[in-house]
Amino acid sequence: MHLISKNELRRLQIKRLTEFANSTQKLSEDKILKEKLLKSRLLHQAENVGISISMSLEVDTAPIIAALWEMKKKVYIPRCLPKRKMEVTLYNKNTSLEKTK
């Protein structure tokens, strides 16, 4: 049995995710997820929607957010605060973003 260190496992997973992030399969799956979400009855009933701003290896939320704005939904995103705290804040086209860890 071959044991692998935590750092090596992390490196391998990041490599796999990076390869997947650059694939046509990811683009297809992101599109399918967006379409399913936008068909949701619950979403159509909601006035406010919470979502995160995606990082490069995650589901691309930018097209989802754009669609939510077109639907006149209020979009809220998490905002990191000092001392490992977080709040939810209104997000629109005029919101300035600051990258955090």
N, C-alpha and C. Protein backbone atom coordinates (compact mmCIF):
# COMPACT_ATOMS: atom_id res chain seq x y z
N MET A 1 0.85 -1.18 0.00
CA MET A 1 0.00 0.00 0.00
C MET A 1 0.89 1.24 0.00
N HIS A 2 0.63 2.13 -0.95
CA HIS A 2 1.42 3.35 -1.08
C HIS A 2 0.71 4.49 -0.35
N LEU A 3 1.37 5.06 0.65
CA LEU A 3 0.80 6.19 1.37
C LEU A 3 1.27 7.48 0.71
N ILE A 4 0.41 8.47 0.74
CA ILE A 4 0.71 9.76 0.12
C ILE A 4 0.56 10.85 1.17
N SER A 5 1.44 11.82 1.12
CA SER A 5 1.39 12.90 2.10
C SER A 5 0.23 13.85 1.77
N LYS A 6 -0.17 14.59 2.77
CA LYS A 6 -1.25 15.56 2.59
C LYS A 6 -0.87 16.59 1.53
N ASN A 7 0.36 17.06 1.55
CA ASN A 7 0.82 18.05 0.56
C ASN A 7 0.81 17.48 -0.85
N GLU A 8 1.24 16.23 -1.00
CA GLU A 8 1.25 15.60 -2.31
C GLU A 8 -0.18 15.40 -2.82
N LEU A 9 -1.08 14.97 -1.94
CA LEU A 9 -2.48 14.79 -2.31
C LEU A 9 -3.08 16.13 -2.75
N ARG A 10 -2.81 17.18 -2.02
CA ARG A 10 -3.31 18.51 -2.36
C ARG A 10 -2.78 18.92 -3.74
N ARG A 11 -1.50 18.70 -3.99
CA ARG A 11 -0.88 19.06 -5.27
C ARG A 11 -1.55 18.30 -6.41
N LEU A 12 -1.79 17.00 -6.21
CA LEU A 12 -2.44 16.19 -7.24
C LEU A 12 -3.87 16.66 -7.51
N GLN A 13 -4.59 16.96 -6.46
CA GLN A 13 -5.98 17.41 -6.62
C GLN A 13 -6.04 18.75 -7.35
N ILE A 14 -5.15 19.66 -7.02
CA ILE A 14 -5.12 20.95 -7.70
C ILE A 14 -4.79 20.75 -9.18
N LYS A 15 -3.88 19.84 -9.46
CA LYS A 15 -3.53 19.53 -10.85
C LYS A 15 -4.77 18.99 -11.59
N ARG A 16 -5.49 18.06 -10.97
CA ARG A 16 -6.69 17.49 -11.59
C ARG A 16 -7.76 18.56 -11.81
N LEU A 17 -7.96 19.40 -10.79
CA LEU A 17 -8.96 20.46 -10.91
C LEU A 17 -8.59 21.46 -12.00
N THR A 18 -7.31 21.78 -12.10
CA THR A 18 -6.85 22.71 -13.13
C THR A 18 -7.08 22.14 -14.52
N GLU A 19 -6.78 20.87 -14.68
CA GLU A 19 -7.03 20.21 -15.97
C GLU A 19 -8.52 20.22 -16.31
N PHE A 20 -9.35 19.92 -15.31
CA PHE A 20 -10.79 19.91 -15.53
C PHE A 20 -11.31 21.32 -15.82
N ALA A 21 -10.78 22.32 -15.11
CA ALA A 21 -11.22 23.71 -15.29
C ALA A 21 -10.98 24.20 -16.71
N ASN A 22 -10.01 23.63 -17.39
CA ASN A 22 -9.68 24.04 -18.75
C ASN A 22 -10.30 23.13 -19.81
N SER A 23 -11.25 22.32 -19.41
CA SER A 23 -11.85 21.36 -20.33
C SER A 23 -13.20 21.84 -20.86
N THR A 24 -13.59 21.30 -21.99
CA THR A 24 -14.91 21.61 -22.53
C THR A 24 -16.00 20.97 -21.67
N GLN A 25 -15.66 19.89 -20.98
CA GLN A 25 -16.63 19.24 -20.10
C GLN A 25 -17.05 20.19 -18.99
N LYS A 26 -16.10 20.94 -18.41
CA LYS A 26 -16.44 21.88 -17.35
C LYS A 26 -17.37 22.97 -17.88
N LEU A 27 -17.06 23.50 -19.05
CA LEU A 27 -17.93 24.52 -19.66
C LEU A 27 -19.34 23.98 -19.84
N SER A 28 -19.44 22.75 -20.30
CA SER A 28 -20.74 22.12 -20.51
C SER A 28 -21.48 21.93 -19.18
N GLU A 29 -20.78 21.45 -18.17
CA GLU A 29 -21.42 21.22 -16.87
C GLU A 29 -21.82 22.53 -16.20
N ASP A 30 -21.00 23.58 -16.34
CA ASP A 30 -21.36 24.89 -15.80
C ASP A 30 -22.66 25.39 -16.45
N LYS A 31 -22.76 25.21 -17.77
CA LYS A 31 -23.95 25.64 -18.51
C LYS A 31 -25.19 24.86 -18.07
N ILE A 32 -25.04 23.56 -17.90
CA ILE A 32 -26.16 22.72 -17.45
C ILE A 32 -26.63 23.16 -16.06
N LEU A 33 -25.69 23.40 -15.17
CA LEU A 33 -26.04 23.85 -13.81
C LEU A 33 -26.79 25.17 -13.85
N LYS A 34 -26.29 26.11 -14.67
CA LYS A 34 -26.96 27.42 -14.79
C LYS A 34 -28.38 27.24 -15.30
N GLU A 35 -28.56 26.43 -16.34
CA GLU A 35 -29.89 26.23 -16.92
C GLU A 35 -30.85 25.59 -15.91
N LYS A 36 -30.37 24.61 -15.16
CA LYS A 36 -31.22 23.97 -14.14
C LYS A 36 -31.61 24.97 -13.05
N LEU A 37 -30.64 25.76 -12.62
CA LEU A 37 -30.92 26.75 -11.57
C LEU A 37 -31.94 27.78 -12.05
N LEU A 38 -31.76 28.27 -13.28
CA LEU A 38 -32.66 29.30 -13.78
C LEU A 38 -34.06 28.80 -14.05
N LYS A 39 -34.24 27.48 -14.15
CA LYS A 39 -35.58 26.90 -14.32
C LYS A 39 -36.26 26.63 -12.98
N SER A 40 -35.54 26.80 -11.91
CA SER A 40 -36.06 26.47 -10.58
C SER A 40 -37.25 27.35 -10.19
N ARG A 41 -38.32 26.72 -9.78
CA ARG A 41 -39.51 27.44 -9.32
C ARG A 41 -39.17 28.28 -8.09
N LEU A 42 -38.37 27.73 -7.21
CA LEU A 42 -37.97 28.44 -5.99
C LEU A 42 -37.21 29.72 -6.33
N LEU A 43 -36.33 29.63 -7.33
CA LEU A 43 -35.58 30.82 -7.75
C LEU A 43 -36.52 31.89 -8.28
N HIS A 44 -37.49 31.50 -9.07
CA HIS A 44 -38.42 32.47 -9.65
C HIS A 44 -39.27 33.14 -8.58
N GLN A 45 -39.49 32.47 -7.46
CA GLN A 45 -40.27 33.05 -6.38
C GLN A 45 -39.43 33.98 -5.50
N ALA A 46 -38.13 33.83 -5.54
CA ALA A 46 -37.24 34.59 -4.66
C ALA A 46 -37.03 36.02 -5.16
N GLU A 47 -36.93 36.95 -4.22
CA GLU A 47 -36.56 38.32 -4.55
C GLU A 47 -35.05 38.51 -4.37
N ASN A 48 -34.49 37.80 -3.40
CA ASN A 48 -33.09 37.92 -3.03
C ASN A 48 -32.40 36.57 -3.22
N VAL A 49 -31.17 36.61 -3.74
CA VAL A 49 -30.42 35.38 -3.97
C VAL A 49 -29.00 35.56 -3.44
N GLY A 50 -28.54 34.59 -2.65
CA GLY A 50 -27.17 34.58 -2.17
C GLY A 50 -26.33 33.65 -3.03
N ILE A 51 -25.15 34.13 -3.43
CA ILE A 51 -24.26 33.34 -4.28
C ILE A 51 -22.84 33.82 -4.03
N SER A 52 -21.87 33.01 -4.36
CA SER A 52 -20.48 33.45 -4.19
C SER A 52 -19.88 33.82 -5.54
N ILE A 53 -18.85 34.63 -5.50
CA ILE A 53 -18.08 34.95 -6.69
C ILE A 53 -17.10 33.80 -6.87
N SER A 54 -17.14 33.16 -8.02
CA SER A 54 -16.33 31.95 -8.20
C SER A 54 -14.85 32.26 -8.42
N MET A 55 -14.04 31.31 -8.00
CA MET A 55 -12.62 31.32 -8.28
C MET A 55 -12.41 30.46 -9.54
N SER A 56 -11.21 30.47 -10.06
CA SER A 56 -10.95 29.84 -11.36
C SER A 56 -11.26 28.34 -11.42
N LEU A 57 -11.12 27.62 -10.33
CA LEU A 57 -11.34 26.17 -10.36
C LEU A 57 -12.78 25.78 -9.98
N GLU A 58 -13.62 26.75 -9.73
CA GLU A 58 -14.99 26.49 -9.28
C GLU A 58 -15.98 26.68 -10.42
N VAL A 59 -17.23 26.32 -10.16
CA VAL A 59 -18.32 26.58 -11.11
C VAL A 59 -18.33 28.08 -11.39
N ASP A 60 -18.38 28.46 -12.66
CA ASP A 60 -18.37 29.87 -13.03
C ASP A 60 -19.73 30.49 -12.70
N THR A 61 -19.74 31.36 -11.68
CA THR A 61 -21.00 31.97 -11.27
C THR A 61 -21.29 33.29 -11.99
N ALA A 62 -20.35 33.82 -12.75
CA ALA A 62 -20.57 35.10 -13.44
C ALA A 62 -21.80 35.06 -14.37
N PRO A 63 -21.98 34.03 -15.20
CA PRO A 63 -23.18 34.00 -16.05
C PRO A 63 -24.46 33.85 -15.24
N ILE A 64 -24.38 33.16 -14.13
CA ILE A 64 -25.56 33.00 -13.26
C ILE A 64 -25.93 34.36 -12.67
N ILE A 65 -24.94 35.08 -12.18
CA ILE A 65 -25.18 36.40 -11.59
C ILE A 65 -25.76 37.35 -12.63
N ALA A 66 -25.22 37.34 -13.84
CA ALA A 66 -25.74 38.19 -14.91
C ALA A 66 -27.20 37.87 -15.19
N ALA A 67 -27.53 36.59 -15.21
CA ALA A 67 -28.92 36.17 -15.44
C ALA A 67 -29.83 36.62 -14.29
N LEU A 68 -29.32 36.54 -13.07
CA LEU A 68 -30.11 36.98 -11.91
C LEU A 68 -30.40 38.47 -12.00
N TRP A 69 -29.41 39.25 -12.40
CA TRP A 69 -29.63 40.70 -12.56
C TRP A 69 -30.68 40.96 -13.66
N GLU A 70 -30.61 40.20 -14.74
CA GLU A 70 -31.61 40.35 -15.81
C GLU A 70 -33.01 40.04 -15.30
N MET A 71 -33.09 39.12 -14.34
CA MET A 71 -34.37 38.75 -13.74
C MET A 71 -34.80 39.73 -12.66
N LYS A 72 -34.00 40.78 -12.46
CA LYS A 72 -34.27 41.82 -11.46
C LYS A 72 -34.21 41.28 -10.02
N LYS A 73 -33.37 40.26 -9.80
CA LYS A 73 -33.16 39.72 -8.46
C LYS A 73 -32.10 40.56 -7.74
N LYS A 74 -32.24 40.69 -6.44
CA LYS A 74 -31.19 41.29 -5.62
C LYS A 74 -30.19 40.18 -5.31
N VAL A 75 -28.94 40.41 -5.65
CA VAL A 75 -27.89 39.40 -5.50
C VAL A 75 -27.02 39.78 -4.31
N TYR A 76 -26.81 38.81 -3.42
CA TYR A 76 -25.98 39.03 -2.24
C TYR A 76 -24.80 38.06 -2.28
N ILE A 77 -23.64 38.58 -1.87
CA ILE A 77 -22.42 37.76 -1.84
C ILE A 77 -21.81 37.83 -0.44
N PRO A 78 -21.03 36.82 -0.07
CA PRO A 78 -20.34 36.87 1.22
C PRO A 78 -19.18 37.86 1.15
N ARG A 79 -18.94 38.53 2.26
CA ARG A 79 -17.84 39.48 2.38
C ARG A 79 -17.06 39.12 3.63
N CYS A 80 -15.76 38.90 3.46
CA CYS A 80 -14.90 38.54 4.59
C CYS A 80 -14.56 39.76 5.42
N LEU A 81 -14.62 39.58 6.72
CA LEU A 81 -14.30 40.64 7.67
C LEU A 81 -13.11 40.19 8.53
N PRO A 82 -12.52 41.12 9.29
CA PRO A 82 -11.42 40.72 10.19
C PRO A 82 -11.87 39.68 11.21
N LYS A 83 -10.91 38.99 11.76
CA LYS A 83 -11.12 37.98 12.81
C LYS A 83 -12.00 36.83 12.34
N ARG A 84 -11.80 36.42 11.08
CA ARG A 84 -12.49 35.26 10.50
C ARG A 84 -14.01 35.39 10.54
N LYS A 85 -14.50 36.60 10.41
CA LYS A 85 -15.95 36.86 10.37
C LYS A 85 -16.37 37.07 8.92
N MET A 86 -17.67 36.95 8.71
CA MET A 86 -18.20 37.11 7.36
C MET A 86 -19.58 37.75 7.45
N GLU A 87 -19.91 38.53 6.43
CA GLU A 87 -21.25 39.09 6.33
C GLU A 87 -21.72 38.93 4.89
N VAL A 88 -23.00 39.13 4.70
CA VAL A 88 -23.56 39.06 3.36
C VAL A 88 -23.85 40.49 2.94
N THR A 89 -23.46 40.84 1.71
CA THR A 89 -23.63 42.20 1.24
C THR A 89 -24.26 42.21 -0.16
N LEU A 90 -25.03 43.25 -0.43
CA LEU A 90 -25.66 43.41 -1.74
C LEU A 90 -24.58 43.57 -2.80
N TYR A 91 -24.76 42.88 -3.91
CA TYR A 91 -23.79 42.92 -5.01
C TYR A 91 -24.48 43.39 -6.27
N ASN A 92 -23.93 44.44 -6.88
CA ASN A 92 -24.44 44.91 -8.17
C ASN A 92 -23.27 45.31 -9.04
N LYS A 93 -23.55 45.83 -10.22
CA LYS A 93 -22.50 46.16 -11.18
C LYS A 93 -21.54 47.24 -10.68
N ASN A 94 -21.95 48.01 -9.69
CA ASN A 94 -21.11 49.07 -9.15
C ASN A 94 -20.32 48.66 -7.92
N THR A 95 -20.50 47.45 -7.45
CA THR A 95 -19.79 46.98 -6.26
C THR A 95 -18.33 46.74 -6.59
N SER A 96 -17.44 47.31 -5.76
CA SER A 96 -16.03 47.04 -5.97
C SER A 96 -15.64 45.82 -5.14
N LEU A 97 -14.89 44.94 -5.75
CA LEU A 97 -14.49 43.70 -5.09
C LEU A 97 -13.02 43.77 -4.71
N GLU A 98 -12.71 43.11 -3.60
CA GLU A 98 -11.34 43.02 -3.13
C GLU A 98 -11.05 41.55 -2.89
N LYS A 99 -10.01 41.04 -3.51
CA LYS A 99 -9.67 39.62 -3.37
C LYS A 99 -9.08 39.37 -1.99
N THR A 100 -9.56 38.32 -1.33
CA THR A 100 -9.05 37.91 -0.03
C THR A 100 -8.59 36.47 -0.11
N LYS A 101 -8.06 35.96 0.98
CA LYS A 101 -7.64 34.56 1.01
C LYS A 101 -8.84 33.67 0.89
